[in-house]
Amino acid sequence: MIWLKLVHIAAIALWSGALISLPALYVQRAHVDSTASLHRLQALVRFLYVNVLSPAAFLAIASGTALIFLRETFEPWFSLKLALAGAMTAIHIMTGQVIIRLFDADEIYPLWRFTATTLLTLAVVTSILTVVLGKPDLPALLPDAFGEPGALRRLILRPQSLSEIMRPIP
């Protein structure tokens, strides 16, 4: 399990670093003066996204999913971490969409967008680190049945009343 956790941490670090640094390359689009330089920049950005960022994201999510099953984490802080990882995934997807459009004719990446994207990504990554390292004692926002293993069977097989659905599993 220690090797899986090491892979997870390394993949998260690589994924986070690439997501934070790619917008700085987008800004360079406005300062490229020749077609050859533009093609080199485009090739670099696409290489980083396809060969570094996306495999790191896949490894981070796959190893994190495996760790869920190995560690059986059913704590409210973990739900918050998963929601933040979902936000990081959304940033990843939007990054891919930016790359597709950025190298069209007469496209630039404004400085305000660079600043906003970088700050948002930094906020999400910092929040994930804070939640994971701090493991805050958060209140459960959902009923206990949603966090209990095996509760889905009880909810599906015979939901007679709301009080029966929400009772703990014996």
C-alpha atoms as a PDB file:
ATOM      1  CA  MET A   1       0.000   0.000   0.000  1.00  0.00           C
ATOM      2  CA  ILE A   2       2.924   2.365   0.624  1.00  0.00           C
ATOM      3  CA  TRP A   3       3.935   2.135  -3.048  1.00  0.00           C
ATOM      4  CA  LEU A   4       0.408   2.936  -4.146  1.00  0.00           C
ATOM      5  CA  LYS A   5       0.329   5.958  -1.863  1.00  0.00           C
ATOM      6  CA  LEU A   6       3.714   7.080  -3.214  1.00  0.00           C
ATOM      7  CA  VAL A   7       2.415   6.799  -6.793  1.00  0.00           C
ATOM      8  CA  HIS A   8      -0.691   8.755  -5.786  1.00  0.00           C
ATOM      9  CA  ILE A   9       1.287  11.578  -4.173  1.00  0.00           C
ATOM     10  CA  ALA A  10       3.743  11.801  -7.090  1.00  0.00           C
ATOM     11  CA  ALA A  11       0.919  11.840  -9.634  1.00  0.00           C
ATOM     12  CA  ILE A  12      -0.961  14.540  -7.703  1.00  0.00           C
ATOM     13  CA  ALA A  13       2.215  16.638  -7.483  1.00  0.00           C
ATOM     14  CA  LEU A  14       2.868  16.330 -11.221  1.00  0.00           C
ATOM     15  CA  TRP A  15      -0.771  16.947 -12.128  1.00  0.00           C
ATOM     16  CA  SER A  16      -0.998  19.996  -9.851  1.00  0.00           C
ATOM     17  CA  GLY A  17       2.284  21.470 -11.026  1.00  0.00           C
ATOM     18  CA  ALA A  18       1.359  21.092 -14.681  1.00  0.00           C
ATOM     19  CA  LEU A  19      -2.104  22.609 -14.159  1.00  0.00           C
ATOM     20  CA  ILE A  20      -0.570  25.583 -12.372  1.00  0.00           C
ATOM     21  CA  SER A  21       2.190  26.177 -14.928  1.00  0.00           C
ATOM     22  CA  LEU A  22       0.368  25.684 -18.248  1.00  0.00           C
ATOM     23  CA  PRO A  23      -1.440  29.066 -18.212  1.00  0.00           C
ATOM     24  CA  ALA A  24       1.974  30.781 -18.208  1.00  0.00           C
ATOM     25  CA  LEU A  25       2.669  29.087 -21.538  1.00  0.00           C
ATOM     26  CA  TYR A  26      -0.693  30.242 -22.895  1.00  0.00           C
ATOM     27  CA  VAL A  27       0.250  33.874 -22.275  1.00  0.00           C
ATOM     28  CA  GLN A  28       3.339  33.360 -24.455  1.00  0.00           C
ATOM     29  CA  ARG A  29       0.984  32.922 -27.432  1.00  0.00           C
ATOM     30  CA  ALA A  30       0.628  36.693 -27.735  1.00  0.00           C
ATOM     31  CA  HIS A  31       4.411  37.185 -27.851  1.00  0.00           C
ATOM     32  CA  VAL A  32       5.227  34.666 -30.584  1.00  0.00           C
ATOM     33  CA  ASP A  33       6.464  36.449 -33.697  1.00  0.00           C
ATOM     34  CA  SER A  34       6.883  33.736 -36.336  1.00  0.00           C
ATOM     35  CA  THR A  35       4.953  30.734 -37.575  1.00  0.00           C
ATOM     36  CA  ALA A  36       7.793  28.368 -36.654  1.00  0.00           C
ATOM     37  CA  SER A  37       7.843  29.686 -33.073  1.00  0.00           C
ATOM     38  CA  LEU A  38       4.079  29.367 -32.874  1.00  0.00           C
ATOM     39  CA  HIS A  39       4.247  25.728 -33.994  1.00  0.00           C
ATOM     40  CA  ARG A  40       6.988  24.986 -31.420  1.00  0.00           C
ATOM     41  CA  LEU A  41       4.921  26.565 -28.642  1.00  0.00           C
ATOM     42  CA  GLN A  42       1.816  24.670 -29.747  1.00  0.00           C
ATOM     43  CA  ALA A  43       3.763  21.399 -29.880  1.00  0.00           C
ATOM     44  CA  LEU A  44       5.170  22.000 -26.388  1.00  0.00           C
ATOM     45  CA  VAL A  45       1.770  22.839 -24.889  1.00  0.00           C
ATOM     46  CA  ARG A  46       0.081  19.833 -26.484  1.00  0.00           C
ATOM     47  CA  PHE A  47       2.954  17.535 -25.489  1.00  0.00           C
ATOM     48  CA  LEU A  48       2.689  18.658 -21.865  1.00  0.00           C
ATOM     49  CA  TYR A  49      -1.085  18.212 -21.847  1.00  0.00           C
ATOM     50  CA  VAL A  50      -1.217  14.859 -23.636  1.00  0.00           C
ATOM     51  CA  ASN A  51       1.976  13.196 -22.380  1.00  0.00           C
ATOM     52  CA  VAL A  52       2.465  14.664 -18.892  1.00  0.00           C
ATOM     53  CA  LEU A  53      -0.692  16.256 -17.488  1.00  0.00           C
ATOM     54  CA  SER A  54      -3.282  13.719 -18.634  1.00  0.00           C
ATOM     55  CA  PRO A  55      -1.343  10.565 -17.650  1.00  0.00           C
ATOM     56  CA  ALA A  56      -0.572  12.139 -14.268  1.00  0.00           C
ATOM     57  CA  ALA A  57      -4.276  12.898 -13.790  1.00  0.00           C
ATOM     58  CA  PHE A  58      -5.205   9.351 -14.753  1.00  0.00           C
ATOM     59  CA  LEU A  59      -2.636   7.883 -12.337  1.00  0.00           C
ATOM     60  CA  ALA A  60      -3.741  10.211  -9.547  1.00  0.00           C
ATOM     61  CA  ILE A  61      -7.411   9.302  -9.951  1.00  0.00           C
ATOM     62  CA  ALA A  62      -6.778   5.573 -10.448  1.00  0.00           C
ATOM     63  CA  SER A  63      -4.402   5.264  -7.498  1.00  0.00           C
ATOM     64  CA  GLY A  64      -6.704   7.406  -5.362  1.00  0.00           C
ATOM     65  CA  THR A  65      -9.635   5.160  -6.214  1.00  0.00           C
ATOM     66  CA  ALA A  66      -7.600   2.079  -5.287  1.00  0.00           C
ATOM     67  CA  LEU A  67      -6.625   3.720  -1.988  1.00  0.00           C
ATOM     68  CA  ILE A  68     -10.294   4.337  -1.192  1.00  0.00           C
ATOM     69  CA  PHE A  69     -10.965   0.617  -1.322  1.00  0.00           C
ATOM     70  CA  LEU A  70      -7.816  -0.283   0.593  1.00  0.00           C
ATOM     71  CA  ARG A  71      -8.278   2.286   3.358  1.00  0.00           C
ATOM     72  CA  GLU A  72     -12.107   2.244   3.530  1.00  0.00           C
ATOM     73  CA  THR A  73     -12.342   5.979   4.084  1.00  0.00           C
ATOM     74  CA  PHE A  74     -15.835   7.063   5.097  1.00  0.00           C
ATOM     75  CA  GLU A  75     -15.182  10.427   6.756  1.00  0.00           C
ATOM     76  CA  PRO A  76     -16.789  13.794   5.928  1.00  0.00           C
ATOM     77  CA  TRP A  77     -13.390  15.397   5.208  1.00  0.00           C
ATOM     78  CA  PHE A  78     -12.830  12.766   2.538  1.00  0.00           C
ATOM     79  CA  SER A  79     -16.050  13.729   0.786  1.00  0.00           C
ATOM     80  CA  LEU A  80     -14.816  17.316   0.682  1.00  0.00           C
ATOM     81  CA  LYS A  81     -11.498  16.112  -0.745  1.00  0.00           C
ATOM     82  CA  LEU A  82     -13.333  14.202  -3.489  1.00  0.00           C
ATOM     83  CA  ALA A  83     -15.382  17.297  -4.350  1.00  0.00           C
ATOM     84  CA  LEU A  84     -12.177  19.338  -4.617  1.00  0.00           C
ATOM     85  CA  ALA A  85     -10.599  16.609  -6.778  1.00  0.00           C
ATOM     86  CA  GLY A  86     -13.681  16.930  -9.003  1.00  0.00           C
ATOM     87  CA  ALA A  87     -12.994  20.679  -9.262  1.00  0.00           C
ATOM     88  CA  MET A  88      -9.407  19.903 -10.227  1.00  0.00           C
ATOM     89  CA  THR A  89     -10.703  17.525 -12.898  1.00  0.00           C
ATOM     90  CA  ALA A  90     -12.997  20.266 -14.232  1.00  0.00           C
ATOM     91  CA  ILE A  91     -10.010  22.629 -14.451  1.00  0.00           C
ATOM     92  CA  HIS A  92      -8.134  19.885 -16.312  1.00  0.00           C
ATOM     93  CA  ILE A  93     -10.953  19.540 -18.854  1.00  0.00           C
ATOM     94  CA  MET A  94     -11.226  23.315 -19.342  1.00  0.00           C
ATOM     95  CA  THR A  95      -7.456  23.419 -19.873  1.00  0.00           C
ATOM     96  CA  GLY A  96      -7.824  20.972 -22.735  1.00  0.00           C
ATOM     97  CA  GLN A  97     -10.531  23.117 -24.295  1.00  0.00           C
ATOM     98  CA  VAL A  98      -8.328  26.197 -24.041  1.00  0.00           C
ATOM     99  CA  ILE A  99      -5.484  24.384 -25.798  1.00  0.00           C
ATOM    100  CA  ILE A 100      -7.772  23.415 -28.683  1.00  0.00           C
ATOM    101  CA  ARG A 101      -8.906  27.017 -29.246  1.00  0.00           C
ATOM    102  CA  LEU A 102      -5.747  28.904 -28.285  1.00  0.00           C
ATOM    103  CA  PHE A 103      -3.761  28.206 -31.405  1.00  0.00           C
ATOM    104  CA  ASP A 104      -6.440  29.263 -33.880  1.00  0.00           C
ATOM    105  CA  ALA A 105      -5.678  32.344 -35.944  1.00  0.00           C
ATOM    106  CA  ASP A 106      -5.738  35.639 -34.003  1.00  0.00           C
ATOM    107  CA  GLU A 107      -6.377  34.003 -30.635  1.00  0.00           C
ATOM    108  CA  ILE A 108      -4.599  35.196 -27.494  1.00  0.00           C
ATOM    109  CA  TYR A 109      -4.797  34.342 -23.810  1.00  0.00           C
ATOM    110  CA  PRO A 110      -5.394  37.564 -21.870  1.00  0.00           C
ATOM    111  CA  LEU A 111      -3.387  38.330 -18.752  1.00  0.00           C
ATOM    112  CA  TRP A 112      -6.535  38.574 -16.598  1.00  0.00           C
ATOM    113  CA  ARG A 113      -7.516  35.033 -17.594  1.00  0.00           C
ATOM    114  CA  PHE A 114      -4.014  33.783 -16.792  1.00  0.00           C
ATOM    115  CA  THR A 115      -4.230  35.390 -13.352  1.00  0.00           C
ATOM    116  CA  ALA A 116      -7.728  34.067 -12.643  1.00  0.00           C
ATOM    117  CA  THR A 117      -6.948  30.538 -13.830  1.00  0.00           C
ATOM    118  CA  THR A 118      -3.689  30.341 -11.920  1.00  0.00           C
ATOM    119  CA  LEU A 119      -5.255  31.663  -8.704  1.00  0.00           C
ATOM    120  CA  LEU A 120      -8.237  29.321  -9.004  1.00  0.00           C
ATOM    121  CA  THR A 121      -5.978  26.315  -9.593  1.00  0.00           C
ATOM    122  CA  LEU A 122      -3.731  27.317  -6.693  1.00  0.00           C
ATOM    123  CA  ALA A 123      -6.791  27.695  -4.453  1.00  0.00           C
ATOM    124  CA  VAL A 124      -8.110  24.233  -5.360  1.00  0.00           C
ATOM    125  CA  VAL A 125      -4.715  22.533  -4.942  1.00  0.00           C
ATOM    126  CA  THR A 126      -4.073  24.328  -1.635  1.00  0.00           C
ATOM    127  CA  SER A 127      -7.552  23.384  -0.404  1.00  0.00           C
ATOM    128  CA  ILE A 128      -6.933  19.722  -1.240  1.00  0.00           C
ATOM    129  CA  LEU A 129      -3.626  19.767   0.618  1.00  0.00           C
ATOM    130  CA  THR A 130      -5.195  21.520   3.607  1.00  0.00           C
ATOM    131  CA  VAL A 131      -8.055  19.034   3.826  1.00  0.00           C
ATOM    132  CA  VAL A 132      -5.864  15.958   3.350  1.00  0.00           C
ATOM    133  CA  LEU A 133      -3.131  17.021   5.747  1.00  0.00           C
ATOM    134  CA  GLY A 134      -5.453  18.573   8.333  1.00  0.00           C
ATOM    135  CA  LYS A 135      -8.266  15.996   8.179  1.00  0.00           C
ATOM    136  CA  PRO A 136     -10.680  18.475   9.788  1.00  0.00           C
ATOM    137  CA  ASP A 137     -13.551  17.183  11.854  1.00  0.00           C
ATOM    138  CA  LEU A 138     -16.404  18.262   9.609  1.00  0.00           C
ATOM    139  CA  PRO A 139     -20.058  17.673  10.369  1.00  0.00           C
ATOM    140  CA  ALA A 140     -21.791  15.049   8.262  1.00  0.00           C
ATOM    141  CA  LEU A 141     -24.016  16.876   5.793  1.00  0.00           C
ATOM    142  CA  LEU A 142     -25.862  13.762   4.639  1.00  0.00           C
ATOM    143  CA  PRO A 143     -27.807  11.243   6.712  1.00  0.00           C
ATOM    144  CA  ASP A 144     -25.784   8.374   8.194  1.00  0.00           C
ATOM    145  CA  ALA A 145     -27.265   5.894   5.718  1.00  0.00           C
ATOM    146  CA  PHE A 146     -25.355   7.527   2.867  1.00  0.00           C
ATOM    147  CA  GLY A 147     -22.032   6.778   4.534  1.00  0.00           C
ATOM    148  CA  GLU A 148     -22.675   3.209   5.615  1.00  0.00           C
ATOM    149  CA  PRO A 149     -21.456   0.267   3.590  1.00  0.00           C
ATOM    150  CA  GLY A 150     -24.424  -1.846   2.471  1.00  0.00           C
ATOM    151  CA  ALA A 151     -27.041   0.874   2.943  1.00  0.00           C
ATOM    152  CA  LEU A 152     -27.820   0.999  -0.762  1.00  0.00           C
ATOM    153  CA  ARG A 153     -29.270  -2.505  -0.646  1.00  0.00           C
ATOM    154  CA  ARG A 154     -31.577  -1.501   2.212  1.00  0.00           C
ATOM    155  CA  LEU A 155     -32.629   1.648   0.377  1.00  0.00           C
ATOM    156  CA  ILE A 156     -33.429  -0.212  -2.852  1.00  0.00           C
ATOM    157  CA  LEU A 157     -34.932  -3.486  -1.614  1.00  0.00           C
ATOM    158  CA  ARG A 158     -37.602  -2.235   0.741  1.00  0.00           C
ATOM    159  CA  PRO A 159     -37.875   1.496   1.357  1.00  0.00           C
ATOM    160  CA  GLN A 160     -41.069   1.562   3.442  1.00  0.00           C
ATOM    161  CA  SER A 161     -40.665   4.819   5.309  1.00  0.00           C
ATOM    162  CA  LEU A 162     -38.140   7.613   5.629  1.00  0.00           C
ATOM    163  CA  SER A 163     -37.374   6.715   9.268  1.00  0.00           C
ATOM    164  CA  GLU A 164     -36.588   3.119   8.265  1.00  0.00           C
ATOM    165  CA  ILE A 165     -34.324   4.269   5.447  1.00  0.00           C
ATOM    166  CA  MET A 166     -32.342   6.515   7.748  1.00  0.00           C
ATOM    167  CA  ARG A 167     -31.855   4.035  10.603  1.00  0.00           C
ATOM    168  CA  PRO A 168     -28.360   2.533  11.069  1.00  0.00           C
ATOM    169  CA  ILE A 169     -27.627  -0.946   9.769  1.00  0.00           C
ATOM    170  CA  PRO A 170     -27.634  -3.527  12.594  1.00  0.00           C
END
